[in-house]
Structures are given as C-alpha cells and as structure tokens.
Amino acid sequence: MERKPQTLANHAKFDPIFHFVLAPLLLILFIGAVRSALNEATGLAWWRAGMAFALLLLLFKARIYSLKVQDRLIRLEERLRLHRVLPESQREQIEQLTEQQLVALRFASDGELAALVERAVREKLPLKDLKQAIKVWRPDYFRV
C-alpha cells in the first residue's frame, strides 16, 4: 500500500474508532444520562450519569496513556538517533532538549538535524515552531 507523503500540513492523525465512534457515542451517552438524571432525580439515574462520566474519563485516560508511552519511546529513539547523527562536540546539547522538542525533531531529516538541535536549544523553540523549521520532512507512520 502506497502512503501519501507526510508533511507538516497533514501529519496529524485521527484514529477513526476513537475520534468518530467511541468519543461521540460516550459523550452522547453521558449527556443523555445527565438529562435523564435531572428529569428523574433518582439515585439510580444519577448512578447511571456517574457511570457514563466514568466511561468517558476512562476512554480519554486510555488515549492519554497511549500517547504518553508513544512520546517516551520517541524520546528514546530520538536520543539514540541524535547520538548517532550529531558530531561529538554537539552531543551535550541532547540533554538540553525538552520532551516536546525531541518529539518534533523526529520529523527532521538527518542532514538538517544538527542545525535544528542547535537552534532548538539556543532559541528554546516550542514544538510548533520547530516543526515549521523542518525543511525535509521525515515521515512517522507509526504514531498512535
């Protein structure tokens, strides 16, 4: 299967089951349960509203946990890559990079990595600005 080339403009990923099925359904369930509880005002109705809210929280916590694990792996991968690609004199800058900078740098080609690391550390570039500074995009198709 040939993939569409990834760029800054199209690299954000939607998980159809999460974004278009589970989240909307659980949000509708929660809203309906709260409306029902407000109309009925029984303990059971409020229990259902609480359970619907708990399911909604569980869904978002599961998503956040998977993104955090992904970011930890990206941080590790990028530190290994930076040790391999950067000249010895620049390797001390690796520890000065923030988690978000490491996440953004995964999209940078090896050829521009040294200059981007230098700039990221010197200017304390946030994720968005660092991604915009990338000239040759290195795709990441394995994101959650």
C-alpha atoms as a PDB file:
ATOM      1  CA  MET A   1       0.000   0.000   0.000  1.00  0.00           C
ATOM      2  CA  GLU A   2       1.481   3.314  -1.071  1.00  0.00           C
ATOM      3  CA  ARG A   3       1.147   6.041   1.526  1.00  0.00           C
ATOM      4  CA  LYS A   4       0.517   9.701   0.952  1.00  0.00           C
ATOM      5  CA  PRO A   5       3.729  11.687   1.600  1.00  0.00           C
ATOM      6  CA  GLN A   6       3.631  13.168   5.099  1.00  0.00           C
ATOM      7  CA  THR A   7       4.146  16.899   5.658  1.00  0.00           C
ATOM      8  CA  LEU A   8       3.600  19.450   8.401  1.00  0.00           C
ATOM      9  CA  ALA A   9       0.165  20.146   6.929  1.00  0.00           C
ATOM     10  CA  ASN A  10      -1.070  16.547   7.001  1.00  0.00           C
ATOM     11  CA  HIS A  11       0.913  14.772   9.739  1.00  0.00           C
ATOM     12  CA  ALA A  12      -1.797  14.958  12.418  1.00  0.00           C
ATOM     13  CA  LYS A  13      -3.515  11.623  12.753  1.00  0.00           C
ATOM     14  CA  PHE A  14      -7.101  10.772  13.564  1.00  0.00           C
ATOM     15  CA  ASP A  15      -7.976   7.393  14.979  1.00  0.00           C
ATOM     16  CA  PRO A  16     -11.414   6.858  13.398  1.00  0.00           C
ATOM     17  CA  ILE A  17     -12.688   4.484  16.091  1.00  0.00           C
ATOM     18  CA  PHE A  18     -11.627   6.847  18.890  1.00  0.00           C
ATOM     19  CA  HIS A  19     -12.431  10.223  17.287  1.00  0.00           C
ATOM     20  CA  PHE A  20     -15.544   9.360  15.278  1.00  0.00           C
ATOM     21  CA  VAL A  21     -17.163   6.429  17.127  1.00  0.00           C
ATOM     22  CA  LEU A  22     -16.221   5.946  20.788  1.00  0.00           C
ATOM     23  CA  ALA A  23     -15.765   9.569  21.909  1.00  0.00           C
ATOM     24  CA  PRO A  24     -19.010  10.840  20.298  1.00  0.00           C
ATOM     25  CA  LEU A  25     -21.029   7.830  21.497  1.00  0.00           C
ATOM     26  CA  LEU A  26     -19.809   8.091  25.088  1.00  0.00           C
ATOM     27  CA  LEU A  27     -20.348  11.853  25.072  1.00  0.00           C
ATOM     28  CA  ILE A  28     -23.933  11.334  23.852  1.00  0.00           C
ATOM     29  CA  LEU A  29     -24.408   8.623  26.498  1.00  0.00           C
ATOM     30  CA  PHE A  30     -23.144  10.974  29.222  1.00  0.00           C
ATOM     31  CA  ILE A  31     -25.302  13.911  28.092  1.00  0.00           C
ATOM     32  CA  GLY A  32     -28.358  11.656  27.879  1.00  0.00           C
ATOM     33  CA  ALA A  33     -27.682  10.192  31.328  1.00  0.00           C
ATOM     34  CA  VAL A  34     -27.310  13.655  32.888  1.00  0.00           C
ATOM     35  CA  ARG A  35     -30.520  14.874  31.239  1.00  0.00           C
ATOM     36  CA  SER A  36     -32.299  11.770  32.468  1.00  0.00           C
ATOM     37  CA  ALA A  37     -30.934  12.271  35.990  1.00  0.00           C
ATOM     38  CA  LEU A  38     -32.054  15.905  36.010  1.00  0.00           C
ATOM     39  CA  ASN A  39     -35.559  14.896  34.899  1.00  0.00           C
ATOM     40  CA  GLU A  40     -35.946  11.828  37.103  1.00  0.00           C
ATOM     41  CA  ALA A  41     -33.798  12.934  40.070  1.00  0.00           C
ATOM     42  CA  THR A  42     -33.475   9.364  41.377  1.00  0.00           C
ATOM     43  CA  GLY A  43     -30.412   7.747  42.842  1.00  0.00           C
ATOM     44  CA  LEU A  44     -30.318   5.198  40.040  1.00  0.00           C
ATOM     45  CA  ALA A  45     -30.457   7.905  37.356  1.00  0.00           C
ATOM     46  CA  TRP A  46     -27.551   9.763  38.991  1.00  0.00           C
ATOM     47  CA  TRP A  47     -25.649   6.472  39.307  1.00  0.00           C
ATOM     48  CA  ARG A  48     -26.041   5.955  35.523  1.00  0.00           C
ATOM     49  CA  ALA A  49     -24.834   9.519  34.882  1.00  0.00           C
ATOM     50  CA  GLY A  50     -21.816   8.867  37.097  1.00  0.00           C
ATOM     51  CA  MET A  51     -21.041   5.615  35.297  1.00  0.00           C
ATOM     52  CA  ALA A  52     -21.376   7.311  31.900  1.00  0.00           C
ATOM     53  CA  PHE A  53     -18.953  10.010  33.093  1.00  0.00           C
ATOM     54  CA  ALA A  54     -16.548   7.337  34.364  1.00  0.00           C
ATOM     55  CA  LEU A  55     -16.620   5.596  30.971  1.00  0.00           C
ATOM     56  CA  LEU A  56     -15.911   8.897  29.223  1.00  0.00           C
ATOM     57  CA  LEU A  57     -12.968   9.569  31.562  1.00  0.00           C
ATOM     58  CA  LEU A  58     -11.685   6.030  31.072  1.00  0.00           C
ATOM     59  CA  LEU A  59     -11.714   6.468  27.298  1.00  0.00           C
ATOM     60  CA  PHE A  60      -9.713   9.703  27.448  1.00  0.00           C
ATOM     61  CA  LYS A  61      -7.277   8.413  30.074  1.00  0.00           C
ATOM     62  CA  ALA A  62      -6.566   5.353  27.912  1.00  0.00           C
ATOM     63  CA  ARG A  63      -5.860   7.645  24.961  1.00  0.00           C
ATOM     64  CA  ILE A  64      -3.614   9.929  27.023  1.00  0.00           C
ATOM     65  CA  TYR A  65      -1.687   6.960  28.436  1.00  0.00           C
ATOM     66  CA  SER A  66      -1.004   5.559  24.969  1.00  0.00           C
ATOM     67  CA  LEU A  67       0.183   8.984  23.760  1.00  0.00           C
ATOM     68  CA  LYS A  68       2.486   9.329  26.783  1.00  0.00           C
ATOM     69  CA  VAL A  69       4.026   5.899  26.146  1.00  0.00           C
ATOM     70  CA  GLN A  70       4.462   6.856  22.499  1.00  0.00           C
ATOM     71  CA  ASP A  71       6.214  10.101  23.491  1.00  0.00           C
ATOM     72  CA  ARG A  72       8.552   8.202  25.829  1.00  0.00           C
ATOM     73  CA  LEU A  73       9.505   5.830  23.013  1.00  0.00           C
ATOM     74  CA  ILE A  74      10.010   8.716  20.600  1.00  0.00           C
ATOM     75  CA  ARG A  75      12.222  10.445  23.181  1.00  0.00           C
ATOM     76  CA  LEU A  76      14.357   7.305  23.493  1.00  0.00           C
ATOM     77  CA  GLU A  77      14.534   6.742  19.727  1.00  0.00           C
ATOM     78  CA  GLU A  78      15.493  10.350  19.066  1.00  0.00           C
ATOM     79  CA  ARG A  79      18.192  10.394  21.746  1.00  0.00           C
ATOM     80  CA  LEU A  80      19.721   7.286  20.166  1.00  0.00           C
ATOM     81  CA  ARG A  81      19.450   8.848  16.721  1.00  0.00           C
ATOM     82  CA  LEU A  82      20.979  12.126  17.911  1.00  0.00           C
ATOM     83  CA  HIS A  83      23.951  10.262  19.445  1.00  0.00           C
ATOM     84  CA  ARG A  84      24.468   8.559  16.083  1.00  0.00           C
ATOM     85  CA  VAL A  85      23.971  11.624  13.854  1.00  0.00           C
ATOM     86  CA  LEU A  86      25.329  14.607  15.803  1.00  0.00           C
ATOM     87  CA  PRO A  87      29.033  15.393  15.909  1.00  0.00           C
ATOM     88  CA  GLU A  88      30.740  14.647  19.242  1.00  0.00           C
ATOM     89  CA  SER A  89      31.011  18.381  20.030  1.00  0.00           C
ATOM     90  CA  GLN A  90      27.236  18.819  19.843  1.00  0.00           C
ATOM     91  CA  ARG A  91      26.087  15.721  21.760  1.00  0.00           C
ATOM     92  CA  GLU A  92      25.973  17.577  25.091  1.00  0.00           C
ATOM     93  CA  GLN A  93      23.003  19.540  23.713  1.00  0.00           C
ATOM     94  CA  ILE A  94      20.865  16.373  23.641  1.00  0.00           C
ATOM     95  CA  GLU A  95      20.233  16.645  27.380  1.00  0.00           C
ATOM     96  CA  GLN A  96      19.112  20.276  26.970  1.00  0.00           C
ATOM     97  CA  LEU A  97      16.278  19.354  24.595  1.00  0.00           C
ATOM     98  CA  THR A  98      12.771  19.183  26.038  1.00  0.00           C
ATOM     99  CA  GLU A  99      10.460  16.229  25.518  1.00  0.00           C
ATOM    100  CA  GLN A 100       8.392  18.274  23.072  1.00  0.00           C
ATOM    101  CA  GLN A 101      11.495  19.293  21.099  1.00  0.00           C
ATOM    102  CA  LEU A 102      12.556  15.645  20.821  1.00  0.00           C
ATOM    103  CA  VAL A 103       9.044  14.728  19.650  1.00  0.00           C
ATOM    104  CA  ALA A 104       9.204  17.438  16.974  1.00  0.00           C
ATOM    105  CA  LEU A 105      12.739  16.543  15.861  1.00  0.00           C
ATOM    106  CA  ARG A 106      11.672  13.038  14.868  1.00  0.00           C
ATOM    107  CA  PHE A 107      10.311  14.586  11.659  1.00  0.00           C
ATOM    108  CA  ALA A 108      13.630  16.229  10.718  1.00  0.00           C
ATOM    109  CA  SER A 109      15.960  14.604   8.198  1.00  0.00           C
ATOM    110  CA  ASP A 110      19.425  13.555   9.357  1.00  0.00           C
ATOM    111  CA  GLY A 111      21.019  16.259   7.211  1.00  0.00           C
ATOM    112  CA  GLU A 112      19.288  19.135   8.970  1.00  0.00           C
ATOM    113  CA  LEU A 113      19.224  17.651  12.458  1.00  0.00           C
ATOM    114  CA  ALA A 114      22.425  19.263  13.799  1.00  0.00           C
ATOM    115  CA  ALA A 115      21.349  22.779  12.806  1.00  0.00           C
ATOM    116  CA  LEU A 116      17.850  22.270  14.204  1.00  0.00           C
ATOM    117  CA  VAL A 117      19.164  20.953  17.530  1.00  0.00           C
ATOM    118  CA  GLU A 118      21.459  23.960  17.802  1.00  0.00           C
ATOM    119  CA  ARG A 119      18.589  26.321  17.062  1.00  0.00           C
ATOM    120  CA  ALA A 120      16.120  24.497  19.350  1.00  0.00           C
ATOM    121  CA  VAL A 121      18.484  24.766  22.316  1.00  0.00           C
ATOM    122  CA  ARG A 122      19.598  28.340  21.617  1.00  0.00           C
ATOM    123  CA  GLU A 123      16.122  29.771  20.900  1.00  0.00           C
ATOM    124  CA  LYS A 124      14.152  27.376  23.131  1.00  0.00           C
ATOM    125  CA  LEU A 125      11.869  26.653  20.188  1.00  0.00           C
ATOM    126  CA  PRO A 126       8.448  25.223  21.040  1.00  0.00           C
ATOM    127  CA  LEU A 127       7.135  22.123  19.243  1.00  0.00           C
ATOM    128  CA  LYS A 128       5.107  24.026  16.642  1.00  0.00           C
ATOM    129  CA  ASP A 129       7.956  26.372  15.647  1.00  0.00           C
ATOM    130  CA  LEU A 130      10.417  23.517  15.494  1.00  0.00           C
ATOM    131  CA  LYS A 131       8.137  21.503  13.202  1.00  0.00           C
ATOM    132  CA  GLN A 132       7.725  24.562  10.971  1.00  0.00           C
ATOM    133  CA  ALA A 133      11.515  24.947  10.726  1.00  0.00           C
ATOM    134  CA  ILE A 134      11.927  21.467   9.243  1.00  0.00           C
ATOM    135  CA  LYS A 135      12.744  21.631   5.538  1.00  0.00           C
ATOM    136  CA  VAL A 136      12.968  17.914   4.645  1.00  0.00           C
ATOM    137  CA  TRP A 137      10.140  16.043   6.372  1.00  0.00           C
ATOM    138  CA  ARG A 138      10.872  12.551   7.683  1.00  0.00           C
ATOM    139  CA  PRO A 139       7.522  10.760   7.957  1.00  0.00           C
ATOM    140  CA  ASP A 140       6.346   8.879  11.028  1.00  0.00           C
ATOM    141  CA  TYR A 141       3.547   6.499  10.017  1.00  0.00           C
ATOM    142  CA  PHE A 142       3.594   4.516  13.266  1.00  0.00           C
ATOM    143  CA  ARG A 143       2.006   7.106  15.567  1.00  0.00           C
ATOM    144  CA  VAL A 144      -0.954   6.194  17.762  1.00  0.00           C
END
